[in-house]
């Protein structure tokens, strides 16, 4: 999102510069194409001068960051990106999609439908979506803005959840499952962020939430009682020959997406669209062509014998939902599931038990631990026994080097298989397209 904001502001004629201690694709290529890629990696206080109008500060900049300290010393205006987005969107109708899982997909579904309907809207979403050239759009005239609302903290200077800055007119919460243990080490504190979020909804607004989520149901009495609440659950559907169809009063609609979690996401998106004036007829027609956001069960390869998906699944709830979805959609195929533990939470030994039984329905289950990731985040490397015990799966295969992971996948029989490659990282820089080409030729 940060690099997309930079690109959008540059296109609007602003002079934009930025710094980071690591820039990887797709941000690296996108910034390079926009002429915004820094000439060097790292932070230098000399980058900060008195002619800067505003500094947009990301969460991962430490308080002792030399550029941040210089900006403070010069008395420059420093804001977090959610704070900056609200300033632009304060006169628009604001729709915010929150939850521990599914928020990128739901936001993308809403965007897809509004685009299909020819409506003018701004947006911010945490993934690339077909039909949109950036993950952010900010204009003066669009009457609506669709925002993916993240519960992670806004910045080191503003340790509040990002979604608390948006003050939505329409809000959705997809579900709650403990995440971001590095900033929410106490579970109840994490859950309370969502209660607080409901209290940030504008008077007369709407709150849409999934009644199948046990945690949401438990805390619902604490939600803002002054707003309209709309509940949703998994819609009627059927799966035939690896294809999912919705069964509705308006007819049956064949979908490109699959999985119970995605059907719940779809139902939440439909209700949001209803709240902003889109009919069910338009929604159902539009959603049939939705192929998913980048890295969310993204199809990488398919032939009559093999199908390969890439997915962002990293938290326990996302991982289990993705693996279960593949098993349900392709019950007769061998399921090969590869998961990289990459986030602060996932590589924390105290958090690992949250992954219990999340990969047990896979025929082949592999967990990849990148040594560079542990070093960069200054975390102790996890031991094989601890990972297997936490996952509740002694047949789990643990791999630590990208070359070994590639060799293991190339040695596996992919005939009549569904392959899931799941990570919020990049498997140690492994080229997935190259892997698939090598395997399938």
Protein backbone atom coordinates (compact mmCIF):
# COMPACT_ATOMS: atom_id res chain seq x y z
CA UNK A 1 0.00 0.00 0.00
CA UNK A 2 2.77 2.48 0.89
CA UNK A 3 4.47 2.20 -2.49
CA UNK A 4 1.13 2.41 -4.31
CA UNK A 5 0.30 5.63 -2.45
CA UNK A 6 3.68 6.99 -3.58
CA UNK A 7 2.91 6.13 -7.21
CA UNK A 8 -0.57 7.68 -7.08
CA UNK A 9 0.69 10.90 -5.50
CA UNK A 10 3.47 11.13 -8.08
CA UNK A 11 0.97 10.75 -10.91
CA UNK A 12 -1.00 13.63 -9.42
CA UNK A 13 2.03 15.87 -9.80
CA UNK A 14 3.49 15.73 -6.30
CA UNK A 15 7.22 15.33 -5.79
CA UNK A 16 7.62 12.02 -3.95
CA UNK A 17 10.66 10.35 -2.39
CA UNK A 18 10.97 7.42 -0.03
CA UNK A 19 13.28 5.11 1.87
CA UNK A 20 13.27 1.54 3.15
CA UNK A 21 15.74 -1.04 4.39
CA UNK A 22 14.49 -3.61 1.85
CA UNK A 23 12.44 -3.25 -1.33
CA UNK A 24 11.21 -6.44 -3.00
CA UNK A 25 8.89 -7.16 -5.91
CA UNK A 26 6.29 -6.20 -6.83
CA UNK A 27 7.11 -2.89 -5.08
CA UNK A 28 10.61 -2.76 -6.57
CA UNK A 29 9.46 -3.10 -10.18
CA UNK A 30 6.45 -0.83 -9.69
CA UNK A 31 8.56 1.93 -8.14
CA UNK A 32 11.22 1.57 -10.83
CA UNK A 33 8.63 1.86 -13.61
CA UNK A 34 7.27 5.00 -11.93
CA UNK A 35 10.74 6.52 -11.59
CA UNK A 36 10.49 6.42 -7.80
CA UNK A 37 12.89 3.65 -6.83
CA UNK A 38 15.48 5.03 -4.37
CA UNK A 39 19.05 5.10 -5.66
CA UNK A 40 20.19 3.30 -2.52
CA UNK A 41 18.64 1.04 0.10
CA UNK A 42 18.56 2.16 3.72
CA UNK A 43 17.95 5.34 5.69
CA UNK A 44 19.92 8.57 5.63
CA UNK A 45 18.99 11.66 7.63
CA UNK A 46 20.22 13.82 4.74
CA UNK A 47 17.13 12.67 2.79
CA UNK A 48 15.00 14.79 5.13
CA UNK A 49 14.98 18.53 4.39
CA UNK A 50 12.90 21.55 5.35
CA UNK A 51 11.17 21.72 1.94
CA UNK A 52 9.22 18.51 2.64
CA UNK A 53 5.51 19.20 3.16
CA UNK A 54 4.57 15.90 4.79
CA UNK A 55 6.26 12.68 5.87
CA UNK A 56 4.13 9.53 5.61
CA UNK A 57 5.45 7.10 8.22
CA UNK A 58 5.05 3.33 8.01
CA UNK A 59 4.65 1.04 11.00
CA UNK A 60 7.96 -0.76 10.63
CA UNK A 61 10.15 2.34 10.99
CA UNK A 62 11.69 2.19 14.44
CA UNK A 63 11.60 5.18 16.78
CA UNK A 64 15.37 5.54 16.44
CA UNK A 65 15.15 5.68 12.63
CA UNK A 66 17.54 8.48 11.56
CA UNK A 67 15.10 9.94 9.02
CA UNK A 68 12.26 9.96 11.54
CA UNK A 69 14.45 11.62 14.18
CA UNK A 70 15.54 14.24 11.64
CA UNK A 71 11.94 14.95 10.60
CA UNK A 72 10.97 15.40 14.25
CA UNK A 73 13.94 17.70 14.87
CA UNK A 74 12.91 19.87 11.92
CA UNK A 75 9.29 20.00 13.09
CA UNK A 76 7.94 18.48 9.87
CA UNK A 77 4.36 17.22 9.60
CA UNK A 78 4.45 13.45 10.18
CA UNK A 79 1.39 11.26 9.57
CA UNK A 80 0.64 7.55 9.20
CA UNK A 81 -0.80 6.39 5.89
CA UNK A 82 -4.30 5.69 7.34
CA UNK A 83 -4.31 9.20 8.76
CA UNK A 84 -3.31 10.56 5.36
CA UNK A 85 -6.00 8.52 3.59
CA UNK A 86 -8.71 9.80 5.91
CA UNK A 87 -7.72 13.40 5.21
CA UNK A 88 -8.31 12.74 1.51
CA UNK A 89 -11.49 10.72 2.09
CA UNK A 90 -13.17 12.78 4.83
CA UNK A 91 -15.86 14.11 2.48
CA UNK A 92 -16.58 10.75 0.83
CA UNK A 93 -18.81 7.86 1.85
CA UNK A 94 -16.34 5.50 3.51
CA UNK A 95 -16.67 1.72 3.35
CA UNK A 96 -14.19 -0.21 5.51
CA UNK A 97 -13.68 -3.98 5.39
CA UNK A 98 -12.03 -5.44 8.50
CA UNK A 99 -11.35 -8.86 9.98
CA UNK A 100 -8.50 -11.25 10.70
CA UNK A 101 -9.05 -12.99 7.38
CA UNK A 102 -10.76 -12.36 4.05
CA UNK A 103 -10.64 -8.57 4.09
CA UNK A 104 -8.49 -8.27 0.95
CA UNK A 105 -10.77 -10.65 -0.94
CA UNK A 106 -13.97 -8.96 0.22
CA UNK A 107 -12.60 -5.51 -0.63
CA UNK A 108 -11.58 -6.81 -4.06
CA UNK A 109 -15.01 -8.33 -4.64
CA UNK A 110 -16.70 -5.00 -3.86
CA UNK A 111 -14.30 -3.18 -6.19
CA UNK A 112 -14.92 -5.70 -8.96
CA UNK A 113 -18.70 -5.29 -8.69
CA UNK A 114 -18.59 -1.48 -8.56
CA UNK A 115 -16.28 -1.45 -11.58
CA UNK A 116 -18.67 -3.78 -13.43
CA UNK A 117 -21.56 -1.45 -12.52
CA UNK A 118 -19.67 1.56 -13.90
CA UNK A 119 -19.61 3.46 -10.61
CA UNK A 120 -16.95 6.04 -9.72
CA UNK A 121 -15.07 5.21 -6.53
CA UNK A 122 -11.70 5.46 -4.82
CA UNK A 123 -10.10 2.54 -3.04
CA UNK A 124 -7.22 1.09 -1.09
CA UNK A 125 -6.64 -2.67 -1.09
CA UNK A 126 -3.70 -4.83 -0.10
CA UNK A 127 -3.30 -6.75 -3.34
CA UNK A 128 -3.24 -6.39 -7.10
CA UNK A 129 -6.62 -6.93 -8.77
CA UNK A 130 -7.37 -7.63 -12.42
CA UNK A 131 -8.74 -4.50 -14.10
CA UNK A 132 -6.97 -2.10 -11.72
CA UNK A 133 -3.45 -0.85 -12.38
CA UNK A 134 -2.69 0.15 -8.78
CA UNK A 135 -3.83 -0.95 -5.32
CA UNK A 136 -4.79 2.64 -4.46
CA UNK A 137 -6.96 5.27 -6.17
CA UNK A 138 -7.37 8.72 -4.67
CA UNK A 139 -9.32 11.44 -6.46
CA UNK A 140 -11.14 14.64 -5.55
CA UNK A 141 -14.49 13.77 -7.09
CA UNK A 142 -15.27 10.08 -6.46
CA UNK A 143 -18.15 10.01 -3.93
CA UNK A 144 -17.23 6.65 -2.36
CA UNK A 145 -14.01 5.11 -1.10
CA UNK A 146 -13.56 1.39 -0.38
CA UNK A 147 -10.86 0.74 2.22
CA UNK A 148 -9.31 -2.49 3.44
CA UNK A 149 -9.16 -1.94 7.19
CA UNK A 150 -6.15 -3.48 8.89
CA UNK A 151 -6.01 -4.01 12.66
CA UNK A 152 -2.21 -3.70 12.67
CA UNK A 153 -0.82 -0.54 14.26
CA UNK A 154 -0.65 2.63 12.19
CA UNK A 155 2.87 3.81 13.04
CA UNK A 156 5.38 3.80 15.91
CA UNK A 157 4.19 7.32 16.75
CA UNK A 158 0.52 6.31 16.62
CA UNK A 159 0.17 2.80 18.09
CA UNK A 160 -3.51 2.45 17.21
CA UNK A 161 -5.05 0.02 14.73
CA UNK A 162 -5.09 1.45 11.23
CA UNK A 163 -8.83 0.96 10.83
CA UNK A 164 -9.50 3.32 13.74
CA UNK A 165 -8.59 6.31 11.55
CA UNK A 166 -11.18 5.76 8.80
CA UNK A 167 -14.51 6.41 10.60
CA UNK A 168 -16.64 4.32 8.21
CA UNK A 169 -20.24 4.83 7.17
CA UNK A 170 -20.43 1.14 6.20
CA UNK A 171 -18.22 -1.37 8.01
CA UNK A 172 -17.77 -5.13 7.72
CA UNK A 173 -15.99 -7.57 10.02
CA UNK A 174 -15.34 -10.98 8.47
CA UNK A 175 -14.12 -12.83 11.56
CA UNK A 176 -11.58 -12.84 14.36
CA UNK A 177 -8.60 -15.14 14.84
CA UNK A 178 -5.56 -14.08 16.86
CA UNK A 179 -2.81 -12.51 14.75
CA UNK A 180 0.04 -9.97 15.02
CA UNK A 181 1.30 -11.39 18.29
CA UNK A 182 4.30 -9.03 18.12
CA UNK A 183 2.04 -6.01 18.77
CA UNK A 184 -0.91 -7.81 20.41
CA UNK A 185 0.74 -10.36 22.72
CA UNK A 186 -2.46 -10.58 24.79
CA UNK A 187 -5.39 -12.18 22.96
CA UNK A 188 -8.10 -10.06 24.62
CA UNK A 189 -6.30 -6.89 23.57
CA UNK A 190 -6.35 -8.09 19.97
CA UNK A 191 -10.08 -8.84 20.12
CA UNK A 192 -10.82 -5.47 21.70
CA UNK A 193 -9.49 -3.72 18.61
CA UNK A 194 -12.57 -4.91 16.72
CA UNK A 195 -14.95 -3.77 19.44
CA UNK A 196 -13.28 -0.36 19.32
CA UNK A 197 -13.61 -0.39 15.54
CA UNK A 198 -17.41 -0.74 15.75
CA UNK A 199 -17.47 2.34 17.98
CA UNK A 200 -15.67 4.34 15.28
CA UNK A 201 -18.55 3.90 12.81
CA UNK A 202 -20.26 7.17 11.91
CA UNK A 203 -23.70 7.79 13.51
CA UNK A 204 -26.42 6.24 11.39
CA UNK A 205 -23.93 3.86 9.79
CA UNK A 206 -24.08 0.12 9.18
CA UNK A 207 -22.11 -2.82 10.58
CA UNK A 208 -22.10 -6.08 8.65
CA UNK A 209 -20.61 -9.16 10.34
CA UNK A 210 -20.40 -12.92 9.91
CA UNK A 211 -22.63 -14.75 12.36
CA UNK A 212 -20.81 -18.05 11.70
CA UNK A 213 -17.71 -16.65 13.42
CA UNK A 214 -17.78 -17.79 17.05
CA UNK A 215 -15.63 -14.93 18.34
CA UNK A 216 -17.74 -12.25 16.65
CA UNK A 217 -20.88 -13.83 18.09
CA UNK A 218 -19.30 -13.85 21.56
CA UNK A 219 -18.37 -10.15 21.54
CA UNK A 220 -21.38 -8.89 19.56
CA UNK A 221 -23.12 -7.53 22.69
CA UNK A 222 -20.24 -5.05 22.99
CA UNK A 223 -20.67 -3.70 19.45
CA UNK A 224 -21.84 -0.14 18.84
CA UNK A 225 -25.58 -0.30 19.50
CA UNK A 226 -26.24 2.98 17.68
CA UNK A 227 -25.60 1.53 14.21
CA UNK A 228 -27.61 -0.86 12.06
CA UNK A 229 -26.28 -4.42 12.24
CA UNK A 230 -26.61 -6.86 9.34
CA UNK A 231 -25.53 -10.49 9.81
CA UNK A 232 -24.46 -12.97 7.14
CA UNK A 233 -23.47 -16.61 6.73
CA UNK A 234 -22.36 -19.02 4.01
CA UNK A 235 -24.81 -18.81 1.06
CA UNK A 236 -26.41 -21.85 -0.57
CA UNK A 237 -24.13 -23.44 -3.16
CA UNK A 238 -23.12 -26.66 -4.85
CA UNK A 239 -19.84 -28.10 -6.13
CA UNK A 240 -19.83 -30.21 -9.28
CA UNK A 241 -16.76 -31.36 -11.22
CA UNK A 242 -14.52 -28.88 -9.44
CA UNK A 243 -16.81 -25.90 -10.11
CA UNK A 244 -18.80 -24.00 -7.47
CA UNK A 245 -22.19 -22.42 -8.16
CA UNK A 246 -24.33 -20.11 -6.04
CA UNK A 247 -27.95 -21.15 -5.55
CA UNK A 248 -30.05 -18.00 -5.14
CA UNK A 249 -33.62 -16.74 -5.52
CA UNK A 250 -32.40 -14.95 -8.64
CA UNK A 251 -31.07 -18.15 -10.19
CA UNK A 252 -27.86 -20.18 -10.15
CA UNK A 253 -24.52 -18.47 -10.80
CA UNK A 254 -21.32 -20.28 -11.68
CA UNK A 255 -18.23 -18.89 -9.94
CA UNK A 256 -14.52 -18.72 -10.73
CA UNK A 257 -13.65 -18.83 -7.01
CA UNK A 258 -14.19 -21.65 -4.52
CA UNK A 259 -14.00 -22.55 -0.84
CA UNK A 260 -16.41 -21.99 2.04
CA UNK A 261 -14.39 -19.01 3.25
CA UNK A 262 -14.67 -17.34 -0.16
CA UNK A 263 -18.42 -17.97 -0.27
CA UNK A 264 -18.74 -16.24 3.10
CA UNK A 265 -16.57 -13.43 1.75
CA UNK A 266 -18.88 -13.15 -1.26
CA UNK A 267 -21.98 -12.90 0.92
CA UNK A 268 -20.41 -10.14 3.00
CA UNK A 269 -19.44 -8.27 -0.17
CA UNK A 270 -23.00 -8.57 -1.48
CA UNK A 271 -24.43 -6.96 1.64
CA UNK A 272 -21.91 -4.13 1.49
CA UNK A 273 -22.85 -3.52 -2.14
CA UNK A 274 -26.52 -3.48 -1.16
CA UNK A 275 -25.74 -0.80 1.43
CA UNK A 276 -24.23 1.45 -1.23
CA UNK A 277 -27.02 0.98 -3.75
CA UNK A 278 -26.02 -2.05 -5.86
CA UNK A 279 -28.84 -4.54 -6.45
CA UNK A 280 -28.52 -8.31 -6.06
CA UNK A 281 -29.16 -8.67 -9.79
CA UNK A 282 -26.13 -6.57 -10.67
CA UNK A 283 -24.01 -8.14 -7.92
CA UNK A 284 -24.61 -11.73 -9.01
CA UNK A 285 -23.96 -10.96 -12.66
CA UNK A 286 -20.72 -9.18 -11.78
CA UNK A 287 -19.36 -11.66 -9.27
CA UNK A 288 -19.39 -14.54 -11.74
CA UNK A 289 -16.32 -13.08 -13.47
CA UNK A 290 -14.38 -12.38 -10.25
CA UNK A 291 -11.18 -14.41 -10.38
CA UNK A 292 -9.77 -13.37 -7.02
CA UNK A 293 -7.12 -10.92 -5.88
CA UNK A 294 -3.44 -11.58 -6.50
CA UNK A 295 -2.02 -14.27 -4.22
CA UNK A 296 -5.45 -15.25 -2.90
CA UNK A 297 -5.94 -18.77 -4.28
CA UNK A 298 -4.41 -17.37 -7.46
CA UNK A 299 -4.32 -19.93 -10.25
CA UNK A 300 -0.76 -20.36 -11.54
CA UNK A 301 -1.16 -23.44 -13.71
CA UNK A 302 -3.82 -25.90 -14.81
CA UNK A 303 -4.06 -28.87 -17.14
CA UNK A 304 -6.13 -32.03 -16.99
CA UNK A 305 -3.79 -33.64 -14.44
CA UNK A 306 -2.40 -30.82 -12.31
CA UNK A 307 -3.62 -27.56 -10.82
CA UNK A 308 -1.37 -25.14 -8.92
CA UNK A 309 -2.44 -22.22 -6.73
CA UNK A 310 -0.52 -19.49 -4.96
CA UNK A 311 -2.02 -18.11 -1.77
CA UNK A 312 -1.16 -15.46 0.81
CA UNK A 313 -2.31 -17.78 3.62
CA UNK A 314 -0.02 -17.20 6.59
CA UNK A 315 -2.15 -16.96 9.72
CA UNK A 316 -3.62 -20.18 11.17
CA UNK A 317 -7.20 -19.37 10.16
CA UNK A 318 -6.20 -18.44 6.60
CA UNK A 319 -4.04 -21.52 6.22
CA UNK A 320 -6.72 -23.90 7.41
CA UNK A 321 -9.40 -22.24 5.28
CA UNK A 322 -7.25 -22.48 2.15
CA UNK A 323 -6.22 -26.11 2.67
CA UNK A 324 -9.80 -27.14 3.53
CA UNK A 325 -11.12 -25.29 0.47
CA UNK A 326 -8.75 -27.15 -1.86
CA UNK A 327 -9.66 -30.49 -0.28
CA UNK A 328 -13.40 -29.80 -0.68
CA UNK A 329 -13.10 -28.51 -4.24
CA UNK A 330 -10.83 -31.31 -5.45
CA UNK A 331 -11.62 -34.30 -3.22
CA UNK A 332 -10.19 -36.92 -5.60
CA UNK A 333 -6.85 -35.19 -6.24
CA UNK A 334 -3.69 -35.60 -4.19
CA UNK A 335 -3.28 -32.42 -2.16
CA UNK A 336 0.27 -31.07 -1.86
CA UNK A 337 0.39 -28.15 0.58
CA UNK A 338 3.50 -26.00 1.08
CA UNK A 339 3.47 -23.32 3.76
CA UNK A 340 6.17 -20.75 4.60
CA UNK A 341 6.23 -19.48 8.17
CA UNK A 342 7.23 -15.89 7.52
CA UNK A 343 5.46 -13.33 9.76
CA UNK A 344 6.52 -12.29 13.26
CA UNK A 345 3.60 -14.21 14.71
CA UNK A 346 4.11 -17.39 12.70
CA UNK A 347 7.78 -17.78 13.63
CA UNK A 348 7.12 -17.16 17.32
CA UNK A 349 7.24 -20.50 19.17
CA UNK A 350 4.58 -19.33 21.64
CA UNK A 351 2.15 -18.67 18.77
CA UNK A 352 2.82 -21.90 16.87
CA UNK A 353 0.11 -23.97 18.65
CA UNK A 354 -2.49 -21.78 16.88
CA UNK A 355 -1.60 -23.79 13.74
CA UNK A 356 -2.80 -27.08 15.26
CA UNK A 357 -4.25 -29.43 12.61
CA UNK A 358 -4.34 -26.69 9.99
CA UNK A 359 -2.66 -28.87 7.33
CA UNK A 360 -3.84 -32.32 8.35
CA UNK A 361 -6.16 -32.85 5.38
CA UNK A 362 -3.22 -32.50 2.95
CA UNK A 363 -1.66 -35.68 1.56
CA UNK A 364 1.75 -34.01 1.48
CA UNK A 365 2.35 -31.20 3.99
CA UNK A 366 5.55 -29.15 3.90
CA UNK A 367 6.56 -26.22 6.11
CA UNK A 368 9.36 -23.96 4.86
CA UNK A 369 11.48 -21.97 7.33
CA UNK A 370 13.76 -19.40 5.71
CA UNK A 371 16.95 -18.84 7.67
CA UNK A 372 17.29 -15.28 6.34
CA UNK A 373 13.81 -14.37 7.62
CA UNK A 374 14.68 -15.45 11.15
CA UNK A 375 17.94 -13.51 11.05
CA UNK A 376 16.29 -10.35 9.68
CA UNK A 377 13.60 -10.43 12.36
CA UNK A 378 16.13 -11.35 15.05
CA UNK A 379 14.21 -14.48 16.02
CA UNK A 380 15.56 -17.85 17.12
CA UNK A 381 15.25 -20.59 14.51
CA UNK A 382 12.41 -23.02 15.23
CA UNK A 383 13.24 -26.67 15.80
CA UNK A 384 11.61 -29.41 13.73
CA UNK A 385 10.05 -31.17 16.73
CA UNK A 386 8.50 -27.95 17.98
CA UNK A 387 6.90 -27.23 14.59
CA UNK A 388 5.58 -30.78 14.14
CA UNK A 389 4.19 -30.84 17.66
CA UNK A 390 2.49 -27.45 17.28
CA UNK A 391 0.91 -28.41 13.96
CA UNK A 392 -0.17 -31.75 15.44
CA UNK A 393 1.32 -33.53 12.45
CA UNK A 394 4.37 -35.76 12.84
CA UNK A 395 4.46 -36.46 9.10
CA UNK A 396 5.01 -32.74 8.41
CA UNK A 397 8.14 -32.14 6.34
CA UNK A 398 10.37 -29.24 7.45
CA UNK A 399 12.65 -27.57 4.87
CA UNK A 400 15.01 -24.64 5.50
CA UNK A 401 16.75 -23.82 2.23
CA UNK A 402 15.08 -22.66 -1.02
CA UNK A 403 17.23 -25.02 -3.10
CA UNK A 404 16.09 -27.96 -1.00
CA UNK A 405 12.46 -26.87 -1.27
CA UNK A 406 12.72 -26.66 -5.04
CA UNK A 407 14.35 -30.11 -5.24
CA UNK A 408 11.67 -31.58 -2.98
CA UNK A 409 8.84 -30.18 -5.08
CA UNK A 410 10.44 -31.28 -8.33
CA UNK A 411 10.82 -34.79 -6.94
CA UNK A 412 7.14 -35.04 -5.93
CA UNK A 413 4.65 -36.65 -8.33
CA UNK A 414 2.22 -33.92 -9.42
CA UNK A 415 0.01 -36.19 -11.48
CA UNK A 416 -3.67 -35.82 -10.60
CA UNK A 417 -2.73 -33.32 -7.89
CA UNK A 418 -3.67 -29.95 -6.48
CA UNK A 419 -0.60 -28.00 -5.35
CA UNK A 420 -0.90 -25.12 -2.86
CA UNK A 421 2.05 -22.74 -2.49
CA UNK A 422 1.24 -20.56 0.52
CA UNK A 423 3.28 -17.68 1.89
CA UNK A 424 3.32 -13.98 2.71
CA UNK A 425 7.01 -14.12 1.77
CA UNK A 426 8.62 -15.54 -1.36
CA UNK A 427 10.02 -18.94 -0.39
CA UNK A 428 13.55 -17.58 -0.18
CA UNK A 429 13.29 -15.97 -3.61
CA UNK A 430 12.19 -19.12 -5.42
CA UNK A 431 10.78 -18.38 -8.89
CA UNK A 432 7.42 -20.16 -8.91
CA UNK A 433 6.87 -19.76 -12.65
CA UNK A 434 10.26 -21.32 -13.29
CA UNK A 435 9.49 -24.13 -10.85
CA UNK A 436 6.22 -24.96 -12.60
CA UNK A 437 7.74 -24.74 -16.09
CA UNK A 438 10.58 -27.07 -15.07
CA UNK A 439 8.20 -29.54 -13.46
CA UNK A 440 5.62 -29.61 -16.22
CA UNK A 441 7.95 -29.85 -19.24
